[in-house]
Amino acid sequence: MSPTVARGLGIVGFVLYLGVGFFYLTSGLVVPGIALVLLWLVWLAGLWLAIRLFRTRPHLVPLVAVGAAIFWFIYVQGGSAIFGWTA
């Protein structure tokens, strides 16, 4: 894969990651305080990972965004099912 295509995929991955970040940010409507802080810390760790990957393997950054979306869905749905979180 050419470096230009890989860098382009990395940029697309960052845009997707920021889009997923919107869901993390607005989760406070459903998720209680301490669980929300934990969720935000996970998002920040993913951002750190995305930045690290962009430097060495930019074509993998979209996978970080997909992983973050899957984690968010499982976290919020699991909390709703187990702890009864509702909006």
N, C-alpha and C. Protein backbone atom coordinates (compact mmCIF):
# COMPACT_ATOMS: atom_id res chain seq x y z
N MET A 1 0.84 -1.16 0.00
CA MET A 1 0.00 0.00 0.00
C MET A 1 0.90 1.24 0.00
N SER A 2 0.53 2.18 -0.84
CA SER A 2 1.36 3.39 -0.93
C SER A 2 1.19 4.24 0.34
N PRO A 3 2.22 5.00 0.66
CA PRO A 3 2.15 5.84 1.87
C PRO A 3 1.02 6.87 1.81
N THR A 4 0.71 7.36 0.61
CA THR A 4 -0.36 8.35 0.48
C THR A 4 -1.71 7.72 0.80
N VAL A 5 -1.96 6.52 0.31
CA VAL A 5 -3.22 5.83 0.59
C VAL A 5 -3.31 5.48 2.07
N ALA A 6 -2.21 5.02 2.63
CA ALA A 6 -2.20 4.66 4.05
C ALA A 6 -2.49 5.89 4.91
N ARG A 7 -1.87 7.01 4.58
CA ARG A 7 -2.11 8.25 5.34
C ARG A 7 -3.55 8.71 5.16
N GLY A 8 -4.09 8.57 3.97
CA GLY A 8 -5.49 8.92 3.73
C GLY A 8 -6.43 8.07 4.57
N LEU A 9 -6.14 6.77 4.66
CA LEU A 9 -6.95 5.90 5.51
C LEU A 9 -6.83 6.30 6.97
N GLY A 10 -5.65 6.72 7.37
CA GLY A 10 -5.46 7.18 8.74
C GLY A 10 -6.29 8.42 9.05
N ILE A 11 -6.35 9.34 8.12
CA ILE A 11 -7.15 10.54 8.31
C ILE A 11 -8.63 10.20 8.36
N VAL A 12 -9.07 9.30 7.50
CA VAL A 12 -10.46 8.84 7.54
C VAL A 12 -10.75 8.18 8.89
N GLY A 13 -9.79 7.41 9.37
CA GLY A 13 -9.95 6.76 10.67
C GLY A 13 -10.10 7.77 11.79
N PHE A 14 -9.33 8.86 11.75
CA PHE A 14 -9.47 9.89 12.78
C PHE A 14 -10.83 10.58 12.72
N VAL A 15 -11.31 10.84 11.52
CA VAL A 15 -12.64 11.44 11.38
C VAL A 15 -13.70 10.51 11.95
N LEU A 16 -13.59 9.22 11.65
CA LEU A 16 -14.52 8.24 12.21
C LEU A 16 -14.40 8.18 13.73
N TYR A 17 -13.18 8.24 14.23
CA TYR A 17 -12.97 8.17 15.68
C TYR A 17 -13.60 9.38 16.38
N LEU A 18 -13.47 10.54 15.79
CA LEU A 18 -14.10 11.72 16.37
C LEU A 18 -15.62 11.60 16.32
N GLY A 19 -16.14 10.99 15.26
CA GLY A 19 -17.58 10.74 15.18
C GLY A 19 -18.06 9.82 16.28
N VAL A 20 -17.29 8.78 16.55
CA VAL A 20 -17.62 7.87 17.65
C VAL A 20 -17.50 8.61 18.99
N GLY A 21 -16.58 9.54 19.07
CA GLY A 21 -16.41 10.33 20.28
C GLY A 21 -17.67 11.11 20.65
N PHE A 22 -18.47 11.48 19.68
CA PHE A 22 -19.74 12.15 19.96
C PHE A 22 -20.63 11.26 20.82
N PHE A 23 -20.68 9.97 20.50
CA PHE A 23 -21.49 9.05 21.29
C PHE A 23 -20.93 8.88 22.70
N TYR A 24 -19.60 8.86 22.81
CA TYR A 24 -18.98 8.77 24.13
C TYR A 24 -19.31 10.02 24.95
N LEU A 25 -19.28 11.18 24.31
CA LEU A 25 -19.53 12.44 24.99
C LEU A 25 -20.97 12.54 25.47
N THR A 26 -21.92 12.12 24.65
CA THR A 26 -23.33 12.25 25.00
C THR A 26 -23.86 11.07 25.81
N SER A 27 -23.03 10.14 26.16
CA SER A 27 -23.47 8.98 26.93
C SER A 27 -23.90 9.35 28.35
N GLY A 28 -23.59 10.55 28.77
CA GLY A 28 -24.00 10.99 30.09
C GLY A 28 -25.50 11.03 30.27
N LEU A 29 -26.24 10.97 29.17
CA LEU A 29 -27.69 10.91 29.27
C LEU A 29 -28.17 9.56 29.77
N VAL A 30 -27.35 8.53 29.62
CA VAL A 30 -27.74 7.17 30.00
C VAL A 30 -26.84 6.60 31.09
N VAL A 31 -25.56 6.88 31.01
CA VAL A 31 -24.56 6.26 31.88
C VAL A 31 -24.36 7.13 33.12
N PRO A 32 -24.36 6.55 34.33
CA PRO A 32 -24.12 7.33 35.54
C PRO A 32 -22.67 7.82 35.65
N GLY A 33 -22.45 8.78 36.53
CA GLY A 33 -21.20 9.51 36.67
C GLY A 33 -19.91 8.73 36.59
N ILE A 34 -19.65 7.84 37.55
CA ILE A 34 -18.36 7.16 37.59
C ILE A 34 -18.16 6.25 36.37
N ALA A 35 -19.24 5.66 35.90
CA ALA A 35 -19.14 4.82 34.71
C ALA A 35 -18.86 5.68 33.48
N LEU A 36 -19.35 6.91 33.48
CA LEU A 36 -19.11 7.82 32.37
C LEU A 36 -17.64 8.25 32.34
N VAL A 37 -17.07 8.51 33.50
CA VAL A 37 -15.65 8.88 33.57
C VAL A 37 -14.80 7.73 33.04
N LEU A 38 -15.13 6.52 33.42
CA LEU A 38 -14.41 5.35 32.92
C LEU A 38 -14.53 5.24 31.40
N LEU A 39 -15.71 5.50 30.88
CA LEU A 39 -15.94 5.45 29.43
C LEU A 39 -15.09 6.50 28.72
N TRP A 40 -15.03 7.70 29.28
CA TRP A 40 -14.22 8.76 28.68
C TRP A 40 -12.73 8.42 28.74
N LEU A 41 -12.29 7.78 29.81
CA LEU A 41 -10.88 7.37 29.90
C LEU A 41 -10.55 6.33 28.84
N VAL A 42 -11.48 5.43 28.59
CA VAL A 42 -11.28 4.43 27.53
C VAL A 42 -11.18 5.14 26.18
N TRP A 43 -12.02 6.15 25.94
CA TRP A 43 -11.96 6.88 24.68
C TRP A 43 -10.61 7.60 24.53
N LEU A 44 -10.14 8.20 25.61
CA LEU A 44 -8.84 8.87 25.56
C LEU A 44 -7.70 7.88 25.31
N ALA A 45 -7.79 6.69 25.89
CA ALA A 45 -6.77 5.66 25.63
C ALA A 45 -6.81 5.24 24.16
N GLY A 46 -8.00 5.16 23.60
CA GLY A 46 -8.12 4.84 22.18
C GLY A 46 -7.55 5.94 21.30
N LEU A 47 -7.74 7.19 21.70
CA LEU A 47 -7.16 8.30 20.95
C LEU A 47 -5.64 8.22 20.98
N TRP A 48 -5.09 7.91 22.15
CA TRP A 48 -3.64 7.73 22.25
C TRP A 48 -3.17 6.62 21.31
N LEU A 49 -3.91 5.51 21.30
CA LEU A 49 -3.56 4.39 20.41
C LEU A 49 -3.64 4.81 18.95
N ALA A 50 -4.68 5.55 18.59
CA ALA A 50 -4.84 5.99 17.20
C ALA A 50 -3.68 6.90 16.78
N ILE A 51 -3.26 7.78 17.67
CA ILE A 51 -2.14 8.67 17.35
C ILE A 51 -0.86 7.86 17.17
N ARG A 52 -0.64 6.90 18.06
CA ARG A 52 0.55 6.04 17.94
C ARG A 52 0.53 5.26 16.62
N LEU A 53 -0.62 4.70 16.29
CA LEU A 53 -0.71 3.92 15.05
C LEU A 53 -0.55 4.81 13.83
N PHE A 54 -1.04 6.05 13.89
CA PHE A 54 -0.93 6.94 12.74
C PHE A 54 0.52 7.20 12.38
N ARG A 55 1.39 7.18 13.36
CA ARG A 55 2.81 7.42 13.10
C ARG A 55 3.49 6.25 12.41
N THR A 56 3.07 5.02 12.74
CA THR A 56 3.78 3.85 12.21
C THR A 56 2.95 3.04 11.21
N ARG A 57 1.65 2.87 11.48
CA ARG A 57 0.76 2.07 10.62
C ARG A 57 -0.56 2.80 10.44
N PRO A 58 -0.58 3.88 9.67
CA PRO A 58 -1.80 4.70 9.58
C PRO A 58 -3.00 3.97 9.00
N HIS A 59 -2.78 2.92 8.23
CA HIS A 59 -3.91 2.19 7.64
C HIS A 59 -4.72 1.42 8.68
N LEU A 60 -4.20 1.29 9.92
CA LEU A 60 -4.92 0.58 10.98
C LEU A 60 -5.78 1.50 11.85
N VAL A 61 -5.68 2.80 11.67
CA VAL A 61 -6.44 3.73 12.50
C VAL A 61 -7.96 3.53 12.36
N PRO A 62 -8.50 3.24 11.17
CA PRO A 62 -9.95 2.99 11.10
C PRO A 62 -10.41 1.82 11.97
N LEU A 63 -9.54 0.85 12.20
CA LEU A 63 -9.90 -0.27 13.07
C LEU A 63 -10.08 0.18 14.52
N VAL A 64 -9.33 1.21 14.93
CA VAL A 64 -9.48 1.75 16.28
C VAL A 64 -10.87 2.38 16.41
N ALA A 65 -11.31 3.08 15.38
CA ALA A 65 -12.64 3.69 15.40
C ALA A 65 -13.74 2.62 15.45
N VAL A 66 -13.58 1.57 14.69
CA VAL A 66 -14.57 0.49 14.70
C VAL A 66 -14.58 -0.19 16.07
N GLY A 67 -13.41 -0.45 16.62
CA GLY A 67 -13.32 -1.05 17.94
C GLY A 67 -13.95 -0.18 19.01
N ALA A 68 -13.76 1.14 18.91
CA ALA A 68 -14.34 2.06 19.89
C ALA A 68 -15.86 2.05 19.79
N ALA A 69 -16.40 1.98 18.57
CA ALA A 69 -17.85 1.93 18.40
C ALA A 69 -18.43 0.64 18.98
N ILE A 70 -17.77 -0.46 18.73
CA ILE A 70 -18.23 -1.75 19.27
C ILE A 70 -18.16 -1.75 20.79
N PHE A 71 -17.05 -1.25 21.34
CA PHE A 71 -16.91 -1.20 22.80
C PHE A 71 -18.00 -0.33 23.41
N TRP A 72 -18.27 0.84 22.82
CA TRP A 72 -19.30 1.74 23.35
C TRP A 72 -20.66 1.04 23.38
N PHE A 73 -21.00 0.38 22.28
CA PHE A 73 -22.30 -0.30 22.20
C PHE A 73 -22.41 -1.37 23.27
N ILE A 74 -21.39 -2.20 23.41
CA ILE A 74 -21.41 -3.27 24.41
C ILE A 74 -21.45 -2.69 25.82
N TYR A 75 -20.70 -1.64 26.09
CA TYR A 75 -20.64 -1.01 27.40
C TYR A 75 -22.00 -0.44 27.80
N VAL A 76 -22.60 0.33 26.91
CA VAL A 76 -23.88 0.97 27.23
C VAL A 76 -25.00 -0.06 27.31
N GLN A 77 -25.05 -0.99 26.36
CA GLN A 77 -26.10 -2.01 26.39
C GLN A 77 -25.92 -2.95 27.58
N GLY A 78 -24.69 -3.31 27.88
CA GLY A 78 -24.43 -4.17 29.03
C GLY A 78 -24.81 -3.50 30.33
N GLY A 79 -24.45 -2.22 30.46
CA GLY A 79 -24.83 -1.48 31.66
C GLY A 79 -26.34 -1.33 31.79
N SER A 80 -26.99 -1.15 30.66
CA SER A 80 -28.45 -1.06 30.68
C SER A 80 -29.08 -2.37 31.11
N ALA A 81 -28.55 -3.48 30.62
CA ALA A 81 -29.11 -4.79 30.95
C ALA A 81 -28.77 -5.20 32.39
N ILE A 82 -27.55 -4.95 32.82
CA ILE A 82 -27.11 -5.42 34.13
C ILE A 82 -27.53 -4.45 35.25
N PHE A 83 -27.33 -3.15 35.04
CA PHE A 83 -27.55 -2.17 36.09
C PHE A 83 -28.83 -1.36 35.93
N GLY A 84 -29.52 -1.55 34.81
CA GLY A 84 -30.77 -0.83 34.60
C GLY A 84 -30.61 0.62 34.21
N TRP A 85 -29.50 0.97 33.55
CA TRP A 85 -29.30 2.35 33.11
C TRP A 85 -30.38 2.70 32.10
N THR A 86 -31.01 3.85 32.27
CA THR A 86 -32.00 4.35 31.31
C THR A 86 -31.81 5.84 31.14
N ALA A 87 -32.35 6.34 30.07
CA ALA A 87 -32.25 7.77 29.80
C ALA A 87 -33.23 8.56 30.66
